[in-house]
């Protein structure tokens, strides 16, 4: 078995709420009793019998649509291990990964439409970064 001893390159930071979204959620809590999550009822099905499973009813919490989080991804570079061509390859791989996250979603119940995300106003080394540029160029 081959072992990869290369150092970790990507650090995905926690994604805190933006101040704007925190205010939206605080207002929702005050006005409607919704605080930081919507509670949706669910029913678990027994797939073998196509009937409601035992203990089937549950609540599912989700973040309301439109809520924004601050996203930070740090890429470590290691001098001579990372020539310019490799750095451009990393950029392409990260762009493709972000694009796939938008297409696929994150978390549970994705097939029910939950977990859809969109990255906006991304920056790479302080400059605007369009992770969809290749897809747009190819139609």
N, C-alpha and C. Protein backbone atom coordinates (compact mmCIF):
# COMPACT_ATOMS: atom_id res chain seq x y z
N UNK A 1 0.84 -1.18 0.00
CA UNK A 1 0.00 0.00 0.00
C UNK A 1 0.88 1.24 0.00
N UNK A 2 0.57 2.13 -0.91
CA UNK A 2 1.31 3.38 -1.01
C UNK A 2 0.75 4.39 -0.01
N UNK A 3 1.61 5.11 0.66
CA UNK A 3 1.18 6.11 1.63
C UNK A 3 1.51 7.49 1.10
N UNK A 4 0.54 8.37 1.14
CA UNK A 4 0.76 9.75 0.71
C UNK A 4 1.19 10.56 1.92
N UNK A 5 2.37 11.09 1.89
CA UNK A 5 2.90 11.83 3.03
C UNK A 5 2.91 13.34 2.75
N UNK A 6 2.15 13.75 1.78
CA UNK A 6 2.07 15.16 1.45
C UNK A 6 1.31 15.89 2.55
N UNK A 7 1.70 17.11 2.87
CA UNK A 7 1.01 17.85 3.93
C UNK A 7 -0.41 18.25 3.51
N UNK A 8 -1.24 18.47 4.51
CA UNK A 8 -2.61 18.91 4.26
C UNK A 8 -2.59 20.26 3.57
N UNK A 9 -3.37 20.40 2.53
CA UNK A 9 -3.38 21.65 1.76
C UNK A 9 -4.60 22.51 2.03
N UNK A 10 -5.76 21.90 2.22
CA UNK A 10 -7.00 22.68 2.34
C UNK A 10 -7.52 22.69 3.76
N UNK A 11 -7.89 23.87 4.21
CA UNK A 11 -8.51 24.05 5.52
C UNK A 11 -9.87 24.69 5.28
N UNK A 12 -10.92 23.98 5.63
CA UNK A 12 -12.28 24.51 5.53
C UNK A 12 -12.66 25.07 6.90
N UNK A 13 -12.81 26.37 6.99
CA UNK A 13 -13.16 27.03 8.25
C UNK A 13 -14.65 26.88 8.53
N UNK A 14 -15.02 27.07 9.79
CA UNK A 14 -16.44 27.15 10.13
C UNK A 14 -17.06 28.29 9.36
N UNK A 15 -18.35 28.20 9.07
CA UNK A 15 -19.05 29.22 8.29
C UNK A 15 -20.08 29.92 9.17
N UNK A 16 -19.68 30.99 9.84
CA UNK A 16 -20.63 31.69 10.72
C UNK A 16 -21.67 32.46 9.89
N UNK A 17 -22.81 32.73 10.52
CA UNK A 17 -23.82 33.57 9.88
C UNK A 17 -23.26 34.94 9.59
N UNK A 18 -23.70 35.54 8.50
CA UNK A 18 -23.35 36.94 8.27
C UNK A 18 -24.17 37.79 9.24
N UNK A 19 -23.73 39.00 9.52
CA UNK A 19 -24.48 39.89 10.41
C UNK A 19 -25.88 40.13 9.86
N UNK A 20 -25.98 40.30 8.55
CA UNK A 20 -27.28 40.54 7.90
C UNK A 20 -28.24 39.38 8.17
N UNK A 21 -27.77 38.16 7.99
CA UNK A 21 -28.63 36.99 8.20
C UNK A 21 -28.95 36.77 9.66
N UNK A 22 -28.01 37.07 10.55
CA UNK A 22 -28.29 36.96 11.99
C UNK A 22 -29.45 37.89 12.36
N UNK A 23 -29.47 39.09 11.80
CA UNK A 23 -30.57 40.03 12.07
C UNK A 23 -31.89 39.51 11.52
N UNK A 24 -31.86 38.91 10.33
CA UNK A 24 -33.07 38.33 9.75
C UNK A 24 -33.63 37.24 10.65
N UNK A 25 -32.75 36.37 11.13
CA UNK A 25 -33.20 35.27 11.99
C UNK A 25 -33.67 35.76 13.35
N UNK A 26 -33.01 36.79 13.88
CA UNK A 26 -33.46 37.36 15.16
C UNK A 26 -34.85 37.99 15.01
N UNK A 27 -35.10 38.66 13.88
CA UNK A 27 -36.42 39.23 13.63
C UNK A 27 -37.47 38.13 13.48
N UNK A 28 -37.11 37.03 12.81
CA UNK A 28 -38.04 35.91 12.66
C UNK A 28 -38.37 35.30 14.02
N UNK A 29 -37.39 35.22 14.89
CA UNK A 29 -37.62 34.67 16.23
C UNK A 29 -38.59 35.57 17.01
N UNK A 30 -38.40 36.85 16.87
CA UNK A 30 -39.24 37.81 17.59
C UNK A 30 -40.67 37.83 17.03
N UNK A 31 -40.80 37.83 15.71
CA UNK A 31 -42.11 37.99 15.08
C UNK A 31 -42.88 36.70 14.87
N UNK A 32 -42.17 35.59 14.63
CA UNK A 32 -42.84 34.34 14.27
C UNK A 32 -42.43 33.15 15.12
N UNK A 33 -41.52 33.34 16.04
CA UNK A 33 -41.09 32.23 16.88
C UNK A 33 -40.14 31.26 16.20
N UNK A 34 -39.63 31.63 15.03
CA UNK A 34 -38.67 30.79 14.30
C UNK A 34 -37.29 31.29 14.66
N UNK A 35 -36.45 30.42 15.21
CA UNK A 35 -35.13 30.88 15.62
C UNK A 35 -34.04 29.99 15.07
N UNK A 36 -33.31 30.48 14.08
CA UNK A 36 -32.15 29.84 13.48
C UNK A 36 -32.44 28.55 12.72
N UNK A 37 -33.67 28.10 12.70
CA UNK A 37 -34.01 26.92 11.91
C UNK A 37 -35.51 26.86 11.72
N UNK A 38 -35.92 26.30 10.60
CA UNK A 38 -37.32 25.97 10.39
C UNK A 38 -37.49 24.52 10.83
N UNK A 39 -38.62 24.22 11.40
CA UNK A 39 -38.89 22.84 11.80
C UNK A 39 -39.93 22.30 10.84
N UNK A 40 -39.55 21.24 10.13
CA UNK A 40 -40.43 20.61 9.15
C UNK A 40 -40.78 19.21 9.63
N UNK A 41 -42.06 18.86 9.59
CA UNK A 41 -42.44 17.50 9.99
C UNK A 41 -42.07 16.50 8.90
N UNK A 42 -41.78 15.29 9.31
CA UNK A 42 -41.43 14.24 8.36
C UNK A 42 -42.04 12.91 8.79
N UNK A 43 -42.11 12.01 7.85
CA UNK A 43 -42.62 10.66 8.09
C UNK A 43 -41.64 9.68 7.48
N UNK A 44 -41.16 8.76 8.30
CA UNK A 44 -40.23 7.74 7.82
C UNK A 44 -41.05 6.59 7.21
N UNK A 45 -40.63 6.13 6.04
CA UNK A 45 -41.33 5.06 5.35
C UNK A 45 -40.54 3.75 5.46
N UNK A 46 -41.26 2.65 5.53
CA UNK A 46 -40.65 1.33 5.43
C UNK A 46 -40.59 1.01 3.95
N UNK A 47 -39.41 1.02 3.37
CA UNK A 47 -39.27 0.86 1.92
C UNK A 47 -39.62 -0.56 1.44
N UNK A 48 -39.54 -1.53 2.33
CA UNK A 48 -39.87 -2.90 1.93
C UNK A 48 -41.38 -3.09 1.78
N UNK A 49 -42.15 -2.44 2.65
CA UNK A 49 -43.60 -2.63 2.63
C UNK A 49 -44.36 -1.43 2.07
N UNK A 50 -43.65 -0.34 1.80
CA UNK A 50 -44.28 0.90 1.33
C UNK A 50 -45.36 1.40 2.29
N UNK A 51 -45.09 1.24 3.57
CA UNK A 51 -46.00 1.74 4.60
C UNK A 51 -45.23 2.63 5.56
N UNK A 52 -45.97 3.31 6.41
CA UNK A 52 -45.34 4.16 7.42
C UNK A 52 -44.59 3.26 8.40
N UNK A 53 -43.33 3.61 8.66
CA UNK A 53 -42.51 2.81 9.57
C UNK A 53 -42.92 3.03 11.01
N UNK A 54 -42.56 2.09 11.87
CA UNK A 54 -42.83 2.22 13.30
C UNK A 54 -42.05 3.42 13.85
N UNK A 55 -42.70 4.24 14.67
CA UNK A 55 -42.07 5.44 15.21
C UNK A 55 -41.70 6.42 14.10
N UNK A 56 -42.58 6.53 13.11
CA UNK A 56 -42.24 7.18 11.86
C UNK A 56 -42.21 8.70 11.88
N UNK A 57 -42.92 9.33 12.78
CA UNK A 57 -43.01 10.78 12.71
C UNK A 57 -41.82 11.44 13.38
N UNK A 58 -41.28 12.44 12.72
CA UNK A 58 -40.11 13.15 13.25
C UNK A 58 -40.14 14.59 12.76
N UNK A 59 -39.37 15.42 13.41
CA UNK A 59 -39.18 16.80 12.95
C UNK A 59 -37.78 16.93 12.39
N UNK A 60 -37.66 17.73 11.34
CA UNK A 60 -36.39 17.96 10.68
C UNK A 60 -36.14 19.46 10.71
N UNK A 61 -34.97 19.85 11.20
CA UNK A 61 -34.63 21.27 11.24
C UNK A 61 -33.79 21.63 10.03
N UNK A 62 -34.09 22.78 9.45
CA UNK A 62 -33.29 23.26 8.32
C UNK A 62 -33.14 24.77 8.43
N UNK A 63 -32.11 25.27 7.80
CA UNK A 63 -31.87 26.71 7.76
C UNK A 63 -32.82 27.29 6.72
N UNK A 64 -33.53 28.37 7.04
CA UNK A 64 -34.45 28.96 6.07
C UNK A 64 -33.72 29.42 4.80
N UNK A 65 -34.43 29.37 3.70
CA UNK A 65 -33.87 29.80 2.41
C UNK A 65 -33.43 31.25 2.48
N UNK A 66 -32.30 31.54 1.82
CA UNK A 66 -31.81 32.91 1.74
C UNK A 66 -30.85 33.32 2.83
N UNK A 67 -30.65 32.47 3.82
CA UNK A 67 -29.73 32.80 4.91
C UNK A 67 -28.30 32.66 4.39
N UNK A 68 -27.45 33.61 4.77
CA UNK A 68 -26.08 33.65 4.26
C UNK A 68 -25.07 33.35 5.36
N UNK A 69 -24.00 32.68 4.94
CA UNK A 69 -22.91 32.33 5.83
C UNK A 69 -21.60 32.85 5.22
N UNK A 70 -20.65 33.19 6.07
CA UNK A 70 -19.32 33.60 5.61
C UNK A 70 -18.50 32.33 5.40
N UNK A 71 -17.99 32.14 4.19
CA UNK A 71 -17.25 30.94 3.82
C UNK A 71 -15.78 31.29 3.66
N UNK A 72 -14.92 30.45 4.24
CA UNK A 72 -13.49 30.64 4.08
C UNK A 72 -12.82 29.29 3.86
N UNK A 73 -12.03 29.23 2.81
CA UNK A 73 -11.24 28.06 2.47
C UNK A 73 -9.80 28.52 2.34
N UNK A 74 -8.91 27.90 3.09
CA UNK A 74 -7.50 28.27 3.06
C UNK A 74 -6.74 27.16 2.35
N UNK A 75 -5.90 27.54 1.39
CA UNK A 75 -5.04 26.58 0.72
C UNK A 75 -3.60 26.87 1.10
N UNK A 76 -2.95 25.86 1.64
CA UNK A 76 -1.53 25.98 2.00
C UNK A 76 -0.67 25.67 0.79
N UNK A 77 0.33 26.50 0.56
CA UNK A 77 1.29 26.27 -0.52
C UNK A 77 2.66 26.05 0.10
N UNK A 78 3.44 25.19 -0.52
CA UNK A 78 4.71 24.77 0.05
C UNK A 78 5.87 25.00 -0.92
N UNK A 79 6.18 26.26 -1.14
CA UNK A 79 7.36 26.64 -1.91
C UNK A 79 7.56 25.87 -3.18
N UNK A 80 8.70 25.17 -3.28
CA UNK A 80 9.07 24.46 -4.50
C UNK A 80 8.15 23.28 -4.82
N UNK A 81 7.41 22.81 -3.84
CA UNK A 81 6.43 21.74 -4.11
C UNK A 81 5.29 22.24 -4.97
N UNK A 82 5.13 23.55 -5.06
CA UNK A 82 3.98 24.14 -5.74
C UNK A 82 4.39 25.15 -6.81
N UNK A 83 4.88 24.68 -7.96
CA UNK A 83 5.20 25.62 -9.04
C UNK A 83 3.91 26.26 -9.58
N UNK A 84 4.07 27.28 -10.39
CA UNK A 84 2.91 28.03 -10.90
C UNK A 84 1.89 27.13 -11.59
N UNK A 85 2.35 26.17 -12.38
CA UNK A 85 1.43 25.28 -13.10
C UNK A 85 0.58 24.48 -12.11
N UNK A 86 1.19 24.01 -11.03
CA UNK A 86 0.45 23.26 -10.02
C UNK A 86 -0.57 24.17 -9.33
N UNK A 87 -0.19 25.39 -9.07
CA UNK A 87 -1.11 26.33 -8.42
C UNK A 87 -2.34 26.58 -9.29
N UNK A 88 -2.15 26.68 -10.59
CA UNK A 88 -3.29 26.86 -11.49
C UNK A 88 -4.16 25.61 -11.50
N UNK A 89 -3.55 24.43 -11.44
CA UNK A 89 -4.32 23.19 -11.34
C UNK A 89 -5.14 23.16 -10.06
N UNK A 90 -4.56 23.57 -8.94
CA UNK A 90 -5.30 23.61 -7.67
C UNK A 90 -6.51 24.52 -7.80
N UNK A 91 -6.30 25.66 -8.43
CA UNK A 91 -7.38 26.63 -8.62
C UNK A 91 -8.54 26.00 -9.40
N UNK A 92 -8.21 25.26 -10.46
CA UNK A 92 -9.24 24.60 -11.27
C UNK A 92 -9.99 23.53 -10.47
N UNK A 93 -9.24 22.76 -9.68
CA UNK A 93 -9.86 21.69 -8.88
C UNK A 93 -10.79 22.29 -7.83
N UNK A 94 -10.36 23.36 -7.18
CA UNK A 94 -11.21 24.00 -6.17
C UNK A 94 -12.45 24.59 -6.83
N UNK A 95 -12.28 25.24 -7.98
CA UNK A 95 -13.43 25.80 -8.70
C UNK A 95 -14.44 24.71 -9.03
N UNK A 96 -13.95 23.58 -9.52
CA UNK A 96 -14.84 22.46 -9.87
C UNK A 96 -15.53 21.91 -8.63
N UNK A 97 -14.81 21.80 -7.53
CA UNK A 97 -15.41 21.32 -6.29
C UNK A 97 -16.52 22.22 -5.79
N UNK A 98 -16.31 23.52 -5.85
CA UNK A 98 -17.34 24.47 -5.42
C UNK A 98 -18.56 24.39 -6.33
N UNK A 99 -18.30 24.24 -7.63
CA UNK A 99 -19.40 24.10 -8.59
C UNK A 99 -20.22 22.83 -8.29
N UNK A 100 -19.54 21.74 -7.98
CA UNK A 100 -20.24 20.49 -7.67
C UNK A 100 -21.05 20.60 -6.38
N UNK A 101 -20.51 21.32 -5.38
CA UNK A 101 -21.27 21.53 -4.15
C UNK A 101 -22.57 22.27 -4.44
N UNK A 102 -22.51 23.25 -5.33
CA UNK A 102 -23.73 23.98 -5.70
C UNK A 102 -24.72 23.07 -6.42
N UNK A 103 -24.23 22.20 -7.27
CA UNK A 103 -25.11 21.32 -8.03
C UNK A 103 -25.72 20.23 -7.15
N UNK A 104 -24.92 19.68 -6.24
CA UNK A 104 -25.35 18.53 -5.45
C UNK A 104 -26.03 18.92 -4.14
N UNK A 105 -25.54 19.95 -3.47
CA UNK A 105 -26.07 20.33 -2.16
C UNK A 105 -25.24 19.73 -1.04
N UNK A 106 -25.58 20.11 0.19
CA UNK A 106 -24.90 19.59 1.38
C UNK A 106 -25.91 19.17 2.42
N UNK A 107 -25.52 18.27 3.29
CA UNK A 107 -26.39 17.86 4.39
C UNK A 107 -27.37 16.78 3.98
N UNK A 108 -28.40 16.62 4.81
CA UNK A 108 -29.39 15.58 4.61
C UNK A 108 -30.58 16.04 3.78
N UNK A 109 -31.35 15.09 3.29
CA UNK A 109 -32.59 15.32 2.56
C UNK A 109 -32.40 16.13 1.28
N UNK A 110 -31.25 15.95 0.64
CA UNK A 110 -30.97 16.69 -0.60
C UNK A 110 -32.00 16.35 -1.67
N UNK A 111 -32.42 15.09 -1.74
CA UNK A 111 -33.40 14.71 -2.76
C UNK A 111 -34.75 15.39 -2.54
N UNK A 112 -34.99 15.88 -1.32
CA UNK A 112 -36.23 16.62 -1.03
C UNK A 112 -36.06 18.12 -1.28
N UNK A 113 -34.91 18.51 -1.78
CA UNK A 113 -34.68 19.91 -2.10
C UNK A 113 -33.98 20.70 -1.02
N UNK A 114 -33.59 20.06 0.06
CA UNK A 114 -32.88 20.76 1.13
C UNK A 114 -31.39 20.79 0.79
N UNK A 115 -30.65 21.67 1.44
CA UNK A 115 -29.20 21.67 1.32
C UNK A 115 -28.66 22.35 0.08
N UNK A 116 -29.49 23.06 -0.65
CA UNK A 116 -29.00 23.78 -1.84
C UNK A 116 -28.20 24.99 -1.38
N UNK A 117 -27.04 25.20 -1.99
CA UNK A 117 -26.19 26.33 -1.62
C UNK A 117 -25.73 27.05 -2.89
N UNK A 118 -25.31 28.30 -2.69
CA UNK A 118 -24.75 29.09 -3.78
C UNK A 118 -23.61 29.92 -3.20
N UNK A 119 -22.47 29.88 -3.87
CA UNK A 119 -21.33 30.70 -3.47
C UNK A 119 -21.41 32.02 -4.22
N UNK A 120 -21.24 33.11 -3.48
CA UNK A 120 -21.29 34.46 -4.08
C UNK A 120 -20.09 35.27 -3.64
N UNK A 121 -19.68 36.18 -4.49
CA UNK A 121 -18.63 37.15 -4.17
C UNK A 121 -17.35 36.49 -3.65
N UNK A 122 -16.94 35.41 -4.30
CA UNK A 122 -15.72 34.72 -3.88
C UNK A 122 -14.49 35.51 -4.29
N UNK A 123 -13.44 35.35 -3.51
CA UNK A 123 -12.17 36.00 -3.81
C UNK A 123 -11.06 34.95 -3.73
N UNK A 124 -10.05 35.12 -4.59
CA UNK A 124 -8.85 34.28 -4.59
C UNK A 124 -7.69 35.25 -4.44
N UNK A 125 -6.97 35.15 -3.34
CA UNK A 125 -5.89 36.10 -3.05
C UNK A 125 -6.37 37.55 -3.16
N UNK A 126 -7.57 37.80 -2.67
CA UNK A 126 -8.12 39.16 -2.64
C UNK A 126 -8.74 39.63 -3.94
N UNK A 127 -8.66 38.82 -5.00
CA UNK A 127 -9.22 39.19 -6.31
C UNK A 127 -10.50 38.40 -6.56
N UNK A 128 -11.46 38.98 -7.29
CA UNK A 128 -12.70 38.24 -7.60
C UNK A 128 -12.38 36.88 -8.23
N UNK A 129 -13.13 35.87 -7.81
CA UNK A 129 -12.91 34.50 -8.28
C UNK A 129 -14.24 33.93 -8.74
N UNK A 130 -14.36 33.70 -10.05
CA UNK A 130 -15.57 33.12 -10.60
C UNK A 130 -15.35 31.62 -10.80
N UNK A 131 -15.85 30.83 -9.86
CA UNK A 131 -15.67 29.38 -9.93
C UNK A 131 -16.50 28.75 -11.04
N UNK A 132 -17.40 29.50 -11.64
CA UNK A 132 -18.23 29.00 -12.73
C UNK A 132 -17.71 29.43 -14.11
N UNK A 133 -16.59 30.09 -14.18
CA UNK A 133 -16.09 30.68 -15.43
C UNK A 133 -15.96 29.64 -16.53
N UNK A 134 -15.40 28.49 -16.23
CA UNK A 134 -15.20 27.45 -17.26
C UNK A 134 -16.53 26.94 -17.78
N UNK A 135 -17.47 26.69 -16.86
CA UNK A 135 -18.80 26.20 -17.27
C UNK A 135 -19.51 27.23 -18.13
N UNK A 136 -19.36 28.50 -17.80
CA UNK A 136 -20.00 29.56 -18.58
C UNK A 136 -19.37 29.65 -19.97
N UNK A 137 -18.06 29.51 -20.04
CA UNK A 137 -17.37 29.61 -21.32
C UNK A 137 -17.76 28.46 -22.26
N UNK A 138 -18.04 27.29 -21.66
CA UNK A 138 -18.40 26.12 -22.48
C UNK A 138 -19.89 26.01 -22.73
N UNK A 139 -20.67 26.97 -22.24
CA UNK A 139 -22.10 26.96 -22.50
C UNK A 139 -22.83 26.22 -21.47
